[in-house]
Amino acid sequence: MKVIINIFPKPDVLDPETEAIKNSLELLGFKNLNQFTLGKKFTYNVEDKSKKSVYNNAEDMCKKLLVNCVIEDYKITIKEEI
């Protein structure tokens, strides 16, 4: 199974790096950049037949190390390889 973890700032958190990039893009002529977000993406493959177990393991990784739950949210996607 392929695991994809997307991590992004919570909506109410000030993110100066994202704002700087968004402002620079607007200066270059790119307009209408609503809800522009900079985030992190982790992907990995795991051999396990239980989708629930894989999800729970990824969620545990997020809570213990990958995500600062005070200022970040995350989304876990599990794709079964064919």
C-alpha atoms as a PDB file:
ATOM      1  CA  MET A   1       0.000   0.000   0.000  1.00  0.00           C
ATOM      2  CA  LYS A   2       1.114   3.534  -0.680  1.00  0.00           C
ATOM      3  CA  VAL A   3       0.739   6.060   2.133  1.00  0.00           C
ATOM      4  CA  ILE A   4       0.574   9.784   1.442  1.00  0.00           C
ATOM      5  CA  ILE A   5       0.663  12.254   4.335  1.00  0.00           C
ATOM      6  CA  ASN A   6      -0.017  15.907   3.521  1.00  0.00           C
ATOM      7  CA  ILE A   7       0.749  18.437   6.258  1.00  0.00           C
ATOM      8  CA  PHE A   8      -0.356  22.060   6.050  1.00  0.00           C
ATOM      9  CA  PRO A   9      -0.765  25.043   8.384  1.00  0.00           C
ATOM     10  CA  LYS A  10      -4.074  25.458  10.183  1.00  0.00           C
ATOM     11  CA  PRO A  11      -6.223  28.176   8.566  1.00  0.00           C
ATOM     12  CA  ASP A  12      -5.822  30.679  11.434  1.00  0.00           C
ATOM     13  CA  VAL A  13      -2.029  30.346  11.708  1.00  0.00           C
ATOM     14  CA  LEU A  14       0.104  33.140  10.291  1.00  0.00           C
ATOM     15  CA  ASP A  15       2.558  31.618   7.804  1.00  0.00           C
ATOM     16  CA  PRO A  16       5.096  34.252   6.700  1.00  0.00           C
ATOM     17  CA  GLU A  17       6.864  31.958   4.205  1.00  0.00           C
ATOM     18  CA  THR A  18       3.622  31.244   2.347  1.00  0.00           C
ATOM     19  CA  GLU A  19       2.676  34.931   2.368  1.00  0.00           C
ATOM     20  CA  ALA A  20       6.073  35.919   0.933  1.00  0.00           C
ATOM     21  CA  ILE A  21       5.761  33.380  -1.889  1.00  0.00           C
ATOM     22  CA  LYS A  22       2.169  34.388  -2.612  1.00  0.00           C
ATOM     23  CA  ASN A  23       3.122  38.090  -2.723  1.00  0.00           C
ATOM     24  CA  SER A  24       6.053  37.371  -5.053  1.00  0.00           C
ATOM     25  CA  LEU A  25       3.835  35.367  -7.398  1.00  0.00           C
ATOM     26  CA  GLU A  26       1.297  38.203  -7.467  1.00  0.00           C
ATOM     27  CA  LEU A  27       4.093  40.668  -8.328  1.00  0.00           C
ATOM     28  CA  LEU A  28       4.998  38.372 -11.233  1.00  0.00           C
ATOM     29  CA  GLY A  29       1.444  38.642 -12.541  1.00  0.00           C
ATOM     30  CA  PHE A  30      -0.194  35.543 -11.096  1.00  0.00           C
ATOM     31  CA  LYS A  31      -3.545  36.719  -9.746  1.00  0.00           C
ATOM     32  CA  ASN A  32      -6.472  35.238  -7.821  1.00  0.00           C
ATOM     33  CA  LEU A  33      -4.331  33.021  -5.579  1.00  0.00           C
ATOM     34  CA  ASN A  34      -6.957  32.314  -2.946  1.00  0.00           C
ATOM     35  CA  GLN A  35      -6.218  29.888  -0.122  1.00  0.00           C
ATOM     36  CA  PHE A  36      -2.584  29.556  -1.236  1.00  0.00           C
ATOM     37  CA  THR A  37      -0.895  27.110   1.139  1.00  0.00           C
ATOM     38  CA  LEU A  38       2.629  25.801   1.524  1.00  0.00           C
ATOM     39  CA  GLY A  39       2.880  22.366   3.060  1.00  0.00           C
ATOM     40  CA  LYS A  40       4.852  19.154   3.391  1.00  0.00           C
ATOM     41  CA  LYS A  41       4.219  15.806   1.772  1.00  0.00           C
ATOM     42  CA  PHE A  42       5.515  12.427   2.916  1.00  0.00           C
ATOM     43  CA  THR A  43       5.026   9.273   0.865  1.00  0.00           C
ATOM     44  CA  TYR A  44       6.065   5.700   1.552  1.00  0.00           C
ATOM     45  CA  ASN A  45       5.108   2.150   0.701  1.00  0.00           C
ATOM     46  CA  VAL A  46       4.278  -0.502   3.248  1.00  0.00           C
ATOM     47  CA  GLU A  47       3.453  -4.176   2.959  1.00  0.00           C
ATOM     48  CA  ASP A  48       0.395  -4.752   5.084  1.00  0.00           C
ATOM     49  CA  LYS A  49      -2.983  -6.189   4.189  1.00  0.00           C
ATOM     50  CA  SER A  50      -4.930  -4.153   6.747  1.00  0.00           C
ATOM     51  CA  LYS A  51      -5.789  -0.672   5.506  1.00  0.00           C
ATOM     52  CA  LYS A  52      -6.943   0.257   9.007  1.00  0.00           C
ATOM     53  CA  SER A  53      -3.616  -0.804  10.523  1.00  0.00           C
ATOM     54  CA  VAL A  54      -1.665   1.171   7.910  1.00  0.00           C
ATOM     55  CA  TYR A  55      -3.821   4.265   8.546  1.00  0.00           C
ATOM     56  CA  ASN A  56      -3.475   3.968  12.327  1.00  0.00           C
ATOM     57  CA  ASN A  57       0.303   3.604  12.011  1.00  0.00           C
ATOM     58  CA  ALA A  58       0.530   6.719   9.791  1.00  0.00           C
ATOM     59  CA  GLU A  59      -1.668   8.666  12.202  1.00  0.00           C
ATOM     60  CA  ASP A  60       0.563   7.629  15.102  1.00  0.00           C
ATOM     61  CA  MET A  61       3.624   8.841  13.154  1.00  0.00           C
ATOM     62  CA  CYS A  62       1.929  12.205  12.600  1.00  0.00           C
ATOM     63  CA  LYS A  63       1.018  12.649  16.246  1.00  0.00           C
ATOM     64  CA  LYS A  64       4.417  11.565  17.596  1.00  0.00           C
ATOM     65  CA  LEU A  65       6.802  13.291  15.194  1.00  0.00           C
ATOM     66  CA  LEU A  66       5.696  14.595  11.806  1.00  0.00           C
ATOM     67  CA  VAL A  67       3.028  17.145  12.749  1.00  0.00           C
ATOM     68  CA  ASN A  68       3.003  20.048  15.186  1.00  0.00           C
ATOM     69  CA  CYS A  69      -0.677  19.678  16.085  1.00  0.00           C
ATOM     70  CA  VAL A  70      -0.812  23.184  17.585  1.00  0.00           C
ATOM     71  CA  ILE A  71      -0.221  24.892  14.228  1.00  0.00           C
ATOM     72  CA  GLU A  72      -0.602  22.159  11.594  1.00  0.00           C
ATOM     73  CA  ASP A  73      -3.300  19.861  10.232  1.00  0.00           C
ATOM     74  CA  TYR A  74      -2.752  16.715   8.204  1.00  0.00           C
ATOM     75  CA  LYS A  75      -4.499  14.393   5.795  1.00  0.00           C
ATOM     76  CA  ILE A  76      -3.609  10.739   5.316  1.00  0.00           C
ATOM     77  CA  THR A  77      -4.393   8.951   2.062  1.00  0.00           C
ATOM     78  CA  ILE A  78      -3.937   5.201   1.616  1.00  0.00           C
ATOM     79  CA  LYS A  79      -3.779   3.805  -1.915  1.00  0.00           C
ATOM     80  CA  GLU A  80      -3.887   0.082  -2.468  1.00  0.00           C
ATOM     81  CA  GLU A  81      -1.298  -0.882  -5.083  1.00  0.00           C
ATOM     82  CA  ILE A  82      -2.573  -3.129  -7.869  1.00  0.00           C
END
